[in-house]
Amino acid sequence: MSLKRSIRAALPSEVNPPRHIADLETLSISGVRADFMAQFQDYLREEGLPTEGPAVFVL
């Protein structure tokens, strides 16, 4: 089994891919067990900086 981009997948004619699937398919995974964000938060705490706050989403 392998992952295929929706444009190359043999989808039935009645199935339409989600509208923004092409954008999502360009994302890559940095690591399966990556804990870099936890390490970064630990670093911020050590420096006395806040680690919690409102989430800001940028599209």
C-alpha atoms as a PDB file:
ATOM      1  CA  MET A   1       0.000   0.000   0.000  1.00  0.00           C
ATOM      2  CA  SER A   2       1.180   3.523  -0.705  1.00  0.00           C
ATOM      3  CA  LEU A   3      -0.148   7.045  -0.536  1.00  0.00           C
ATOM      4  CA  LYS A   4      -1.181   8.668  -3.785  1.00  0.00           C
ATOM      5  CA  ARG A   5      -2.150  12.200  -4.539  1.00  0.00           C
ATOM      6  CA  SER A   6      -5.850  12.477  -5.300  1.00  0.00           C
ATOM      7  CA  ILE A   7      -5.139  13.534  -8.864  1.00  0.00           C
ATOM      8  CA  ARG A   8      -3.429  10.165  -9.496  1.00  0.00           C
ATOM      9  CA  ALA A   9      -5.809   8.002  -7.483  1.00  0.00           C
ATOM     10  CA  ALA A  10      -8.290   5.856  -9.377  1.00  0.00           C
ATOM     11  CA  LEU A  11     -11.407   7.267  -7.734  1.00  0.00           C
ATOM     12  CA  PRO A  12     -14.899   6.206  -8.781  1.00  0.00           C
ATOM     13  CA  SER A  13     -16.566   8.826 -10.977  1.00  0.00           C
ATOM     14  CA  GLU A  14     -19.130   9.663  -8.273  1.00  0.00           C
ATOM     15  CA  VAL A  15     -16.391  10.565  -5.746  1.00  0.00           C
ATOM     16  CA  ASN A  16     -15.169  14.148  -5.739  1.00  0.00           C
ATOM     17  CA  PRO A  17     -12.019  14.969  -3.746  1.00  0.00           C
ATOM     18  CA  PRO A  18     -12.411  17.656  -1.049  1.00  0.00           C
ATOM     19  CA  ARG A  19     -11.966  21.222  -2.258  1.00  0.00           C
ATOM     20  CA  HIS A  20      -8.595  21.944  -0.585  1.00  0.00           C
ATOM     21  CA  ILE A  21      -7.085  18.464  -0.824  1.00  0.00           C
ATOM     22  CA  ALA A  22      -4.313  19.638  -3.173  1.00  0.00           C
ATOM     23  CA  ASP A  23      -3.062  22.066  -0.505  1.00  0.00           C
ATOM     24  CA  LEU A  24      -3.105  19.364   2.160  1.00  0.00           C
ATOM     25  CA  GLU A  25      -1.292  16.907  -0.083  1.00  0.00           C
ATOM     26  CA  THR A  26       1.684  19.269  -0.295  1.00  0.00           C
ATOM     27  CA  LEU A  27       2.286  19.093   3.474  1.00  0.00           C
ATOM     28  CA  SER A  28       5.056  16.841   4.709  1.00  0.00           C
ATOM     29  CA  ILE A  29       5.520  15.078   7.993  1.00  0.00           C
ATOM     30  CA  SER A  30       8.727  15.991   9.816  1.00  0.00           C
ATOM     31  CA  GLY A  31       8.846  12.871  11.932  1.00  0.00           C
ATOM     32  CA  VAL A  32       6.563  10.180  13.230  1.00  0.00           C
ATOM     33  CA  ARG A  33       7.706  10.650  16.824  1.00  0.00           C
ATOM     34  CA  ALA A  34       8.876  14.221  16.513  1.00  0.00           C
ATOM     35  CA  ASP A  35       8.800  16.048  19.824  1.00  0.00           C
ATOM     36  CA  PHE A  36      10.409  19.244  18.616  1.00  0.00           C
ATOM     37  CA  MET A  37       7.455  21.398  19.707  1.00  0.00           C
ATOM     38  CA  ALA A  38       7.615  20.013  23.260  1.00  0.00           C
ATOM     39  CA  GLN A  39      11.363  20.691  23.325  1.00  0.00           C
ATOM     40  CA  PHE A  40      10.762  24.220  22.052  1.00  0.00           C
ATOM     41  CA  GLN A  41       8.133  24.835  24.752  1.00  0.00           C
ATOM     42  CA  ASP A  42      10.560  23.542  27.396  1.00  0.00           C
ATOM     43  CA  TYR A  43      13.169  25.984  26.089  1.00  0.00           C
ATOM     44  CA  LEU A  44      10.679  28.874  26.260  1.00  0.00           C
ATOM     45  CA  ARG A  45       9.794  27.954  29.859  1.00  0.00           C
ATOM     46  CA  GLU A  46      13.487  27.854  30.804  1.00  0.00           C
ATOM     47  CA  GLU A  47      13.860  31.355  29.366  1.00  0.00           C
ATOM     48  CA  GLY A  48      10.820  32.574  31.326  1.00  0.00           C
ATOM     49  CA  LEU A  49       8.653  33.126  28.254  1.00  0.00           C
ATOM     50  CA  PRO A  50       4.950  32.241  27.998  1.00  0.00           C
ATOM     51  CA  THR A  51       4.101  29.001  26.225  1.00  0.00           C
ATOM     52  CA  GLU A  52       0.321  29.289  26.241  1.00  0.00           C
ATOM     53  CA  GLY A  53      -1.744  31.827  24.403  1.00  0.00           C
ATOM     54  CA  PRO A  54      -4.333  32.247  21.700  1.00  0.00           C
ATOM     55  CA  ALA A  55      -3.804  30.159  18.587  1.00  0.00           C
ATOM     56  CA  VAL A  56      -3.254  32.166  15.421  1.00  0.00           C
ATOM     57  CA  PHE A  57      -4.017  30.409  12.161  1.00  0.00           C
ATOM     58  CA  VAL A  58      -2.523  31.756   8.949  1.00  0.00           C
ATOM     59  CA  LEU A  59      -3.824  30.642   5.592  1.00  0.00           C
END
